[in-house]
Structure formats: structure tokens, C-alpha cells
Protein backbone atom coordinates (compact mmCIF):
# COMPACT_ATOMS: atom_id res chain seq x y z
CA MET A 1 43.44 16.26 -0.76
CA ARG A 2 43.54 13.60 1.96
CA LYS A 3 44.57 10.19 0.68
CA TYR A 4 43.40 8.09 3.61
CA LYS A 5 40.03 7.82 5.34
CA THR A 6 39.31 10.14 8.21
CA PRO A 7 39.50 7.92 11.33
CA MET A 8 36.19 7.21 13.02
CA PRO A 9 36.22 8.45 16.65
CA GLU A 10 35.70 5.63 19.13
CA ARG A 11 35.04 5.27 22.84
CA LYS A 12 37.97 4.34 25.02
CA PRO A 13 38.48 0.58 25.60
CA GLU A 14 38.13 0.92 29.38
CA GLU A 15 34.68 2.44 28.84
CA ARG A 16 33.29 0.12 26.23
CA ILE A 17 34.21 -3.14 28.03
CA ARG A 18 31.65 -2.21 30.69
CA ASP A 19 28.55 -2.05 28.47
CA PHE A 20 27.07 -2.92 25.09
CA GLN A 21 26.81 0.60 23.67
CA GLU A 22 28.15 1.57 20.24
CA VAL A 23 31.94 1.71 19.96
CA ALA A 24 31.98 4.40 17.24
CA THR A 25 30.86 7.84 18.39
CA GLY A 26 30.42 9.30 14.89
CA TYR A 27 32.13 12.10 13.00
CA THR A 28 32.32 15.68 14.14
CA LEU A 29 31.47 18.37 11.59
CA GLU A 30 35.20 18.95 11.09
CA ASP A 31 35.70 15.23 10.44
CA ALA A 32 32.81 15.27 7.95
CA ILE A 33 34.41 18.15 6.02
CA LEU A 34 37.78 16.35 5.99
CA GLU A 35 36.21 13.14 4.72
CA ALA A 36 34.20 15.00 2.04
CA SER A 37 37.40 16.73 0.88
CA ARG A 38 38.70 13.32 -0.27
CA CYS A 39 36.08 13.24 -3.06
CA LEU A 40 37.61 13.13 -6.57
CA GLN A 41 34.51 14.67 -8.17
CA CYS A 42 34.38 11.98 -10.87
CA LYS A 43 33.33 13.83 -14.03
CA ASN A 44 32.01 11.35 -16.57
CA LYS A 45 30.29 8.85 -14.31
CA PRO A 46 30.02 9.55 -10.57
CA GLU A 47 29.78 6.01 -9.24
CA CYS A 48 28.10 7.13 -6.03
CA VAL A 49 25.14 8.49 -8.01
CA PHE A 50 24.82 5.57 -10.42
CA SER A 51 25.03 2.97 -7.63
CA CYS A 52 22.42 4.73 -5.50
CA PRO A 53 18.99 3.00 -5.76
CA HIS A 54 17.40 6.44 -6.08
CA ASN A 55 20.13 8.26 -8.05
CA LEU A 56 20.62 10.87 -5.34
CA ARG A 57 23.07 13.60 -6.36
CA ILE A 58 25.74 12.73 -3.84
CA ASP A 59 28.42 14.22 -6.10
CA LEU A 60 26.91 17.70 -5.85
CA ALA A 61 26.45 17.34 -2.10
CA MET A 62 30.12 16.36 -1.76
CA SER A 63 31.26 19.39 -3.72
CA GLU A 64 29.30 21.70 -1.41
CA ALA A 65 30.35 19.84 1.74
CA LYS A 66 34.00 20.55 1.00
CA ARG A 67 33.16 24.20 1.59
CA GLY A 68 31.28 23.40 4.78
CA ASP A 69 27.83 23.67 3.20
CA PHE A 70 25.79 20.57 4.16
CA THR A 71 22.39 21.82 2.97
CA ARG A 72 22.16 19.33 0.10
CA PHE A 73 23.25 16.44 2.31
CA ARG A 74 20.47 17.30 4.78
CA GLU A 75 17.98 17.18 1.89
CA ILE A 76 19.42 13.85 0.75
CA GLU A 77 18.89 12.35 4.22
CA ALA A 78 15.10 12.45 3.69
CA SER A 79 15.50 10.10 0.72
CA CYS A 80 18.58 8.07 1.69
CA ILE A 81 17.93 4.48 2.81
CA ALA A 82 21.50 4.11 4.20
CA CYS A 83 22.17 1.01 2.11
CA GLY A 84 25.87 1.93 1.70
CA LYS A 85 26.04 1.12 -2.02
CA CYS A 86 27.52 4.56 -2.70
CA GLU A 87 30.40 3.81 -0.30
CA GLN A 88 31.06 0.46 -1.96
CA ALA A 89 31.17 2.07 -5.42
CA CYS A 90 33.30 5.08 -4.43
CA PRO A 91 36.93 4.74 -5.69
CA ARG A 92 38.11 6.41 -2.46
CA SER A 93 35.74 4.43 -0.21
CA ILE A 94 34.52 7.66 1.37
CA ARG A 95 32.24 7.12 4.38
CA ILE A 96 29.27 8.88 2.77
CA VAL A 97 26.58 7.51 5.08
CA ASP A 98 28.52 8.64 8.15
CA ILE A 99 28.72 12.15 6.70
CA ILE A 100 24.98 12.19 6.02
CA MET A 101 24.19 10.95 9.53
CA LYS A 102 26.44 13.52 11.19
CA VAL A 103 25.16 16.57 9.34
CA SER A 104 21.56 15.45 9.93
CA TYR A 105 22.07 14.38 13.54
CA ASP A 106 20.51 17.38 15.25
CA ASN A 107 17.42 17.16 13.07
CA LEU A 108 17.09 13.40 13.58
CA ILE A 109 17.30 13.43 17.38
CA SER A 110 14.99 16.43 17.74
CA LYS A 111 12.29 15.00 15.49
CA THR A 112 9.11 14.28 17.42
CA GLY A 113 5.57 13.29 16.64
CA LYS A 114 2.25 12.23 18.14
CA MET A 115 1.39 8.58 17.75
CA ARG A 116 -1.69 6.74 18.92
CA ALA A 117 -0.82 3.73 21.09
CA GLY A 118 -1.36 0.31 19.58
CA ARG A 119 -4.91 -0.69 20.49
CA GLY A 120 -4.68 -4.45 19.89
CA ALA A 121 -7.37 -6.59 18.31
CA VAL A 122 -10.40 -5.35 16.41
CA GLN A 123 -13.33 -6.08 18.71
CA ASP A 124 -16.25 -8.32 17.84
CA THR A 125 -18.65 -5.44 18.56
CA GLU A 126 -16.86 -3.34 15.92
CA ILE A 127 -17.16 -6.14 13.38
CA ARG A 128 -20.91 -6.36 14.03
CA ASN A 129 -21.21 -2.67 13.21
CA VAL A 130 -19.15 -2.66 10.01
CA GLY A 131 -19.32 -6.24 8.71
CA GLN A 132 -22.46 -5.75 6.62
CA PRO A 133 -21.51 -2.39 5.01
CA ILE A 134 -18.03 -3.73 4.16
CA VAL A 135 -19.45 -6.85 2.49
CA MET A 136 -22.22 -4.89 0.75
CA GLY A 137 -19.72 -2.24 -0.36
CA THR A 138 -21.32 0.79 1.26
CA ILE A 139 -18.13 1.15 3.28
CA PRO A 140 -15.97 1.18 0.15
CA GLY A 141 -13.04 -0.73 1.60
CA VAL A 142 -10.41 -1.40 4.24
CA ILE A 143 -6.87 -0.15 3.59
CA ALA A 144 -4.21 -1.88 5.73
CA ALA A 145 -0.85 -0.05 5.80
CA VAL A 146 1.61 -2.72 6.94
CA GLY A 147 4.98 -1.98 5.30
CA CYS A 148 8.44 -0.88 6.43
CA PRO A 149 10.06 2.56 6.17
CA ASN A 150 13.33 3.58 4.45
CA TYR A 151 11.88 4.77 1.19
CA PRO A 152 12.38 8.25 -0.31
CA LYS A 153 9.91 10.69 1.27
CA GLU A 154 7.93 7.64 2.36
CA ARG A 155 6.45 9.19 5.48
CA GLU A 156 4.92 12.10 3.62
CA GLU A 157 3.66 9.92 0.78
CA LEU A 158 2.21 7.30 3.13
CA SER A 159 0.21 9.91 5.05
CA GLU A 160 -0.94 11.50 1.80
CA ILE A 161 -2.20 8.17 0.47
CA LEU A 162 -4.00 7.20 3.65
CA GLU A 163 -5.59 10.62 4.18
CA GLU A 164 -7.10 10.46 0.69
CA PHE A 165 -8.91 7.27 1.69
CA LEU A 166 -9.83 8.50 5.15
CA LYS A 167 -11.57 11.50 3.58
CA ARG A 168 -13.47 9.07 1.37
CA LYS A 169 -14.71 7.11 4.41
CA PHE A 170 -12.62 3.99 3.92
CA ILE A 171 -11.48 2.18 7.06
CA VAL A 172 -7.72 2.54 7.54
CA VAL A 173 -5.81 0.19 9.81
CA THR A 174 -2.06 0.21 10.39
CA SER A 175 0.73 -1.41 12.39
CA GLY A 176 4.47 -1.49 12.99
CA CYS A 177 6.80 0.85 11.15
CA HIS A 178 4.03 2.43 9.10
CA ALA A 179 2.13 3.23 12.29
CA MET A 180 5.20 5.07 13.62
CA ASP A 181 5.81 6.87 10.32
CA ILE A 182 2.27 8.25 10.36
CA GLY A 183 2.89 9.76 13.80
CA MET A 184 6.04 11.60 12.69
CA GLN A 185 4.17 14.19 10.62
CA GLU A 186 3.72 17.75 11.88
CA GLU A 187 -0.02 17.14 12.32
CA SER A 188 -0.42 13.41 12.18
CA LEU A 189 -3.45 11.49 10.98
CA TYR A 190 -3.93 10.30 14.56
CA GLU A 191 -4.73 13.87 15.55
CA LYS A 192 -7.24 14.34 12.72
CA TYR A 193 -9.17 11.06 12.66
CA PRO A 194 -10.70 8.75 15.33
CA GLY A 195 -9.06 5.45 16.30
CA LYS A 196 -12.03 3.12 15.83
CA PHE A 197 -12.34 0.35 13.25
CA ASP A 198 -14.98 2.24 11.32
CA ALA A 199 -15.49 4.37 8.21
CA GLY A 200 -13.21 7.42 8.13
CA CYS A 201 -11.15 6.19 11.10
CA ILE A 202 -7.54 5.04 11.45
CA ALA A 203 -6.81 2.19 13.87
CA ASN A 204 -3.26 1.41 15.00
CA VAL A 205 -3.31 -2.23 16.12
CA GLY A 206 0.28 -2.24 17.41
CA SER A 207 3.72 -3.50 16.37
CA CYS A 208 4.61 -5.52 13.28
CA VAL A 209 3.58 -8.77 14.95
CA ALA A 210 0.15 -7.18 15.49
CA ASN A 211 -0.54 -7.65 11.77
CA SER A 212 -2.32 -10.80 12.89
CA HIS A 213 -5.04 -8.52 14.31
CA ILE A 214 -5.65 -7.15 10.80
CA SER A 215 -5.97 -10.57 9.20
CA ALA A 216 -8.10 -11.62 12.19
CA ALA A 217 -10.51 -8.77 11.38
CA VAL A 218 -11.03 -10.26 7.90
CA ILE A 219 -11.60 -13.70 9.44
CA LYS A 220 -14.02 -12.23 12.00
CA ILE A 221 -16.11 -10.62 9.26
CA ALA A 222 -16.53 -14.04 7.63
CA ASN A 223 -17.25 -15.69 10.98
CA ILE A 224 -19.45 -13.09 12.73
CA PHE A 225 -21.31 -11.57 9.79
CA ALA A 226 -21.46 -14.56 7.42
CA LEU A 227 -21.43 -17.29 10.14
CA LYS A 228 -18.58 -19.17 8.49
CA PRO A 229 -17.16 -21.79 10.90
CA LEU A 230 -13.58 -21.16 12.06
CA ARG A 231 -12.38 -24.68 12.77
CA ALA A 232 -10.52 -26.29 9.83
CA ASN A 233 -12.19 -23.87 7.42
CA TYR A 234 -9.41 -21.57 6.14
CA THR A 235 -10.20 -22.21 2.48
CA GLU A 236 -13.84 -21.14 2.75
CA ILE A 237 -12.95 -18.00 4.74
CA ALA A 238 -10.27 -17.01 2.19
CA ASP A 239 -12.76 -17.66 -0.63
CA TYR A 240 -15.31 -15.45 1.14
CA ALA A 241 -12.74 -12.67 1.59
CA LEU A 242 -11.68 -12.79 -2.06
CA ASN A 243 -15.23 -12.56 -3.35
CA ARG A 244 -16.86 -10.26 -0.80
CA ILE A 245 -14.55 -8.31 1.54
CA GLY A 246 -13.05 -5.19 -0.05
CA ALA A 247 -9.78 -5.16 1.90
CA VAL A 248 -6.37 -4.25 0.41
CA GLY A 249 -2.91 -4.16 1.98
CA LEU A 250 -0.42 -1.34 1.37
CA ALA A 251 3.32 -1.98 1.79
CA TRP A 252 4.70 1.48 0.98
CA GLY A 253 8.37 1.21 1.82
CA ALA A 254 11.55 -0.77 1.35
CA TYR A 255 9.60 -4.04 1.23
CA SER A 256 11.84 -6.11 3.48
CA GLN A 257 11.66 -9.90 3.66
CA LYS A 258 9.38 -9.48 6.65
CA ALA A 259 7.03 -7.25 4.66
CA ALA A 260 7.11 -9.78 1.82
CA ALA A 261 6.10 -12.55 4.22
CA ILE A 262 3.26 -10.43 5.62
CA ALA A 263 2.02 -9.65 2.10
CA THR A 264 2.07 -13.33 1.18
CA GLY A 265 0.06 -14.16 4.28
CA PHE A 266 -2.59 -11.64 3.28
CA ASN A 267 -2.62 -13.03 -0.27
CA ARG A 268 -3.36 -16.51 1.10
CA LEU A 269 -6.34 -15.01 2.88
CA GLY A 270 -7.70 -13.57 -0.37
CA VAL A 271 -6.55 -9.99 0.33
CA PRO A 272 -4.61 -8.14 -2.43
CA VAL A 273 -1.52 -6.08 -1.58
CA VAL A 274 -0.12 -3.01 -3.35
CA GLY A 275 3.57 -2.32 -2.79
CA GLY A 276 6.02 0.38 -3.80
CA PRO A 277 8.62 0.09 -6.57
CA HIS A 278 10.87 -2.07 -4.39
CA VAL A 279 8.35 -4.94 -4.66
CA SER A 280 9.59 -5.61 -8.20
CA LYS A 281 13.03 -6.56 -6.84
CA TYR A 282 11.56 -9.76 -5.47
CA CYS A 283 10.67 -10.79 -9.04
CA ARG A 284 7.26 -11.94 -7.91
CA ALA A 285 3.78 -10.62 -8.56
CA TYR A 286 0.31 -12.15 -8.75
CA ILE A 287 -1.38 -10.38 -11.64
CA GLY A 288 -4.34 -11.74 -13.58
CA LYS A 289 -4.73 -11.57 -17.34
CA ILE A 290 -7.93 -9.58 -17.74
CA TRP A 291 -8.02 -10.10 -21.50
CA LYS A 292 -8.54 -13.87 -21.03
CA LYS A 293 -12.26 -13.61 -20.39
CA GLU A 294 -12.69 -17.38 -20.21
CA LYS A 295 -10.54 -17.47 -17.05
CA TRP A 296 -12.79 -15.13 -15.04
CA TRP A 297 -15.66 -17.13 -13.60
CA THR A 298 -17.16 -18.37 -10.34
CA TYR A 299 -19.75 -20.85 -9.27
CA ASP A 300 -23.02 -19.29 -8.14
CA VAL A 301 -24.34 -21.33 -5.22
CA LYS A 302 -27.84 -19.83 -5.63
CA THR A 303 -28.40 -20.72 -9.31
CA LYS A 304 -26.01 -23.72 -9.30
CA GLN A 305 -24.38 -22.37 -12.45
CA LYS A 306 -20.96 -21.29 -13.62
CA VAL A 307 -20.98 -17.50 -14.06
CA TYR A 308 -18.50 -15.46 -16.10
CA ILE A 309 -17.65 -12.33 -14.14
CA GLU A 310 -15.73 -9.07 -14.24
CA PRO A 311 -12.01 -9.42 -13.26
CA CYS A 312 -12.12 -8.22 -9.66
CA PRO A 313 -9.83 -8.34 -7.94
CA ASP A 314 -7.54 -9.03 -10.88
CA ALA A 315 -4.31 -9.08 -8.83
CA LEU A 316 -3.15 -10.21 -5.41
CA LEU A 317 0.32 -8.63 -5.40
CA LEU A 318 1.56 -5.80 -7.60
CA ALA A 319 4.01 -2.90 -7.56
CA ALA A 320 3.08 0.77 -7.97
CA GLU A 321 5.75 3.14 -9.24
CA THR A 322 4.27 6.29 -7.70
CA LYS A 323 1.92 7.25 -4.87
CA GLU A 324 -0.60 8.39 -7.49
CA GLU A 325 -0.65 4.97 -9.13
CA ALA A 326 -0.87 3.32 -5.70
CA MET A 327 -4.01 5.27 -4.79
CA VAL A 328 -5.76 4.30 -8.01
CA GLN A 329 -4.77 0.64 -7.65
CA LEU A 330 -5.94 0.52 -4.02
CA ALA A 331 -9.38 1.82 -5.00
CA ARG A 332 -9.64 -0.64 -7.91
CA LEU A 333 -8.61 -3.67 -5.87
CA CYS A 334 -11.42 -2.99 -3.36
CA LEU A 335 -13.93 -4.07 -6.02
CA ARG A 336 -15.48 -7.50 -5.35
CA PRO A 337 -17.77 -9.74 -7.46
CA ALA A 338 -20.49 -9.79 -4.78
CA ASP A 339 -20.77 -5.99 -4.42
CA THR A 340 -24.33 -4.71 -4.29
CA TYR A 341 -25.21 -2.16 -6.97
CA LEU A 342 -24.97 0.63 -4.39
CA GLY A 343 -21.63 -0.65 -3.13
CA ARG A 344 -20.29 -0.95 -6.69
CA GLN A 345 -21.52 2.55 -7.47
CA ILE A 346 -19.65 3.97 -4.45
CA LYS A 347 -16.48 2.04 -5.24
CA MET A 348 -16.57 3.03 -8.92
CA THR A 349 -17.03 6.68 -7.92
CA HIS A 350 -13.81 6.58 -5.90
CA TYR A 351 -11.93 4.59 -8.55
CA LEU A 352 -12.85 6.97 -11.38
CA GLU A 353 -12.37 10.14 -9.31
CA LEU A 354 -8.92 9.08 -8.10
CA SER A 355 -7.84 8.14 -11.61
CA GLU A 356 -8.95 11.49 -13.03
CA LYS A 357 -7.48 13.42 -10.09
CA TYR A 358 -4.04 11.80 -10.04
CA LEU A 359 -3.57 10.30 -13.52
CA GLY A 360 -5.57 12.83 -15.51
CA THR A 361 -7.80 10.32 -17.27
CA LEU A 362 -10.39 7.62 -16.78
CA PRO A 363 -8.87 4.15 -16.35
CA ASP A 364 -8.94 2.02 -19.48
CA ASP A 365 -10.64 -0.92 -17.76
CA TRP A 366 -13.50 0.79 -15.92
CA HIS A 367 -16.18 -0.53 -18.28
CA LEU A 368 -15.33 -4.11 -17.32
CA TYR A 369 -16.73 -3.57 -13.83
CA ILE A 370 -20.15 -2.27 -14.92
CA ARG A 371 -22.99 -4.80 -14.58
CA THR A 372 -25.94 -2.38 -14.71
CA GLU A 373 -26.47 1.35 -15.10
CA ALA A 374 -26.95 1.47 -11.31
CA ASP A 375 -23.21 0.68 -10.91
CA LEU A 376 -22.31 4.00 -12.55
CA PRO A 377 -21.50 7.10 -10.45
CA LEU A 378 -24.57 9.32 -10.30
CA LYS A 379 -22.84 12.61 -11.13
CA ILE A 380 -21.44 11.40 -14.45
CA ARG A 381 -23.79 8.52 -15.28
CA GLU A 382 -25.10 9.98 -18.52
CA ASP A 383 -21.59 10.88 -19.74
CA LEU A 384 -20.37 7.35 -19.01
CA LEU A 385 -23.35 5.82 -20.79
CA LYS A 386 -22.33 7.78 -23.90
CA VAL A 387 -18.77 6.47 -23.62
CA LEU A 388 -20.06 2.91 -23.27
CA GLU A 389 -22.19 3.32 -26.39
CA GLU A 390 -19.68 5.17 -28.57
CA GLU A 391 -16.37 3.58 -27.54
CA HIS A 392 -17.37 0.10 -26.39
CA GLY A 393 -20.42 -0.65 -28.56
CA TRP A 394 -22.89 -1.15 -25.72
CA LYS A 395 -26.61 -0.75 -26.44
CA ILE A 396 -28.33 1.93 -24.36
CA ASP A 397 -32.05 2.69 -23.98
CA TRP A 398 -31.81 6.48 -23.78
CA ASN A 399 -35.48 6.92 -22.89
CA LYS A 400 -35.00 4.95 -19.69
CA LYS A 401 -31.21 5.53 -19.52
CA LYS A 402 -30.71 1.80 -19.11
CA ILE A 403 -28.04 -0.59 -20.39
CA ILE A 404 -29.61 -3.18 -22.70
CA GLU A 405 -26.52 -5.04 -23.91
CA GLY A 406 -22.78 -4.97 -23.22
CA PRO A 407 -21.81 -6.03 -19.66
CA ILE A 408 -19.98 -9.27 -18.96
CA ARG A 409 -22.92 -10.18 -16.72
CA GLY A 410 -25.98 -8.56 -15.24
CA TYR A 411 -26.55 -7.69 -11.61
CA ASP A 412 -28.16 -10.34 -9.40
CA ALA A 413 -28.85 -9.36 -5.80
CA GLY A 414 -28.79 -13.03 -4.74
CA TYR A 415 -25.51 -13.89 -6.45
CA ASN A 416 -23.50 -16.15 -4.10
CA PRO A 417 -20.01 -16.67 -5.56
CA THR A 418 -17.30 -19.20 -4.81
CA ILE A 419 -14.28 -20.34 -6.80
CA VAL A 420 -13.71 -23.49 -4.74
CA GLU A 421 -15.37 -26.60 -6.08
CA GLU A 422 -15.55 -28.32 -2.69
CA ILE A 423 -17.43 -25.34 -1.22
CA TYR A 424 -19.81 -25.27 -4.19
CA GLU A 425 -20.56 -28.98 -3.72
CA LYS A 426 -20.92 -28.52 0.05
CA TYR A 427 -23.77 -26.03 -0.36
CA THR A 428 -25.48 -27.47 -3.45
CA SER A 429 -25.38 -31.24 -2.91
CA GLY A 430 -28.55 -32.83 -1.67
């Protein structure tokens, strides 16, 4: 067993003084085997495994690598985020990441994909086409994938999440690292779906800094469709987005500080964000307490009254442990207080179907979002009415199949919500 680290091959000094290329050239396969042979195979508690954020079985991969079998290490590469914590914990300080990179090198450099070029801003003409159906809810929502990579099997999961919503005629928009990840699949979403900002389409707006085009689309909906002034009017536009525009961000990845800043920016604009498990490491989330019914209210500009409402959206930033949970949360957070009955019916259909498909049950809060029987999905309306009567004590007129008593509030087509007192006074004074 080798006692000392296997030296890292380096370029000659006379070569490297002439450019800014990497000094280290990386291990050869023989070097990788020599370095793996230094593993002690710690029996009781392999520190490399316990220090790994994803508990990857590095110990088993090391045992096989000693014999020249790197199959398990190549599988680990798909989930490794190259954080180096395993190397820090290893009692022999084995260069584990370098081994992983070497044995996966051929696969990494030969990996190709088809990516749609960043298109830039969402055009005003597109907003005129989709602004009304987004606000009314007949386009069920906008999913913005804006995170960073380096998460176990993140590329596959990201594409799986987004394709579920594309099939359901949501608008999907993406940028930066996520946009590149999507293109690395064998048959990418760019090859299957159009690139417009429209229902069932996926628009790549560009690099990470192009996230401003996504937030600008939200602002344009408020400005072009609702005629909200842009100048010195951020609060009213954010209030409009929170109450009317069913847009949700998705940061499915390592959740870097940059991704955290982007998510916070969307939160300020009234747009919720769902992140992966790494979000919890920031020890910050914006989650409402749905059981405190007295906290959920808005002003109604039309009736000039304070209206108690269903808790939607009930969170601005939360973490999902699995892709299945993420899909359900994304559908739920597209619900908005000002949804029309048809829009709410469409959104509830997706929310309930996704919950049953991926979690195996109806969500425990679905009844909170029902204002009238017209909000219920058509296919299972009668079954849901029975549940409302038997489990939640609602009164149902079975002759007319109508809800008589039970919802937090009824449906009002003219309901005009705001949670900002200054805006309420602006439109009701005089």
C-alpha cells in the first residue's frame, strides 16, 4: 500500500510560463489506480461516505478501483458535485475527485447536446397574446427554471419536471445553467417544443444575467395587459403579480449564492420560488401559516371591503426534497386569488392530478382553494363534492350539485384584490 499521495502530473515550467492554461494535466488511469490503492477501506465509519452531501458509496468504488474497475466511479460522477469534502475527511487525503474526473474524462468531453440559442427579451407582441389567459388562469402558469447545476441527476430531473408542465400547456422559460442542462439530454426539450413565450412552449432567454428578461415579462404583463404605470410603481406591479400572475420560479440545483439572489429578486416581485433540498442550507424560507385564517385577507377595490381569502400563494420561497414534491408545489403555487372560475378549475385539475400521480394521494389542503363548485375539476367534481360534504362538513345541494356552505369565500368575477393599503386608497378615494 502506498503511503504517500500519487504526484499530480504537471506541465513543464518552460511551457506554462507562456500562457494561462492549467498547470496540472490530471491523472492517467495508472495514476488513478495507484492513488485508489492507498485507501484503507475504513470498516466502521467510512469518512468519505459520511462527509459526502449525498452519501455516495465512495468506499465501494475505491475497493473496485484498486482492481482497475472504475464502473462505480463513473456512476458516481453523475451525482458528484465535486465539493471535495470526501478528500478533506479521508485519513489518507486521497485525491478522490481527481480519480473521478480521470475515469469519467472520455465521457465528459464527448458529451454533446442540442441547445436553443438564447433569444433575449420576451416581446411585447407575445405579452399581448398571453397576458389575458395568464391573468385569467386559462394558461395555468409560467414556470421559470433559473437555477444552477451540480446536483445529483439534476439534468434528468430538471427535464422531467419541465416536460410535465409543457405537456400540460404551461409556459416554460429558462436561462443560464438550467438552459444548458436541458440541452444536454439525448433528445432535449428544445427539439420537442417550440421556443415561443406561449402555452406548451419553452423559451431560453439567454445566460444567467438574462434572468432580468423573465422578471421583465412579469412586469410587462402588469404594464401592457393591466395598464399599470412603470415609473416609480414597483410596489403596485409586485402586488398585481402576487394576486394575479401565476408565475413560479424553479431553482433545481446546488442553489448557489447567485441563485439565492435571483430567487430573492423574484420574491420581491411577488413571484414564488421552489428550490431543491440545498435551499434549506441557507436557513431561510418564506412560508405562510395557512391555519391562521385571520392572516389571509386582501382589500377588494371593487366593493371597498376587506375580504378573507384562500391562502394562495401561501409561500414565496420553499425547499422540495424530491422532484415529485417539486412538481406538486409548482402547480399549487400557480394559484392566485383573482383566478376566474375557469382558470381555477384548470389549475386545480393540474394540482390534484400531479399530487395523485406522484404522491399517490390528494393534497390535504385542496379544499381551501375551492370558492364554488365551478372551481372543481370536471372529471371528478361529484367525487370531490362528496369528500367536501363527508370530510369537511360542507353543505351540498345534490339536486343542483352546488355548494351551499363551506368555502372561505364565494366567487366574484369582479373581485379586484390588493394587499397594499396605499394602492387601495389610491383607487377608492374620492
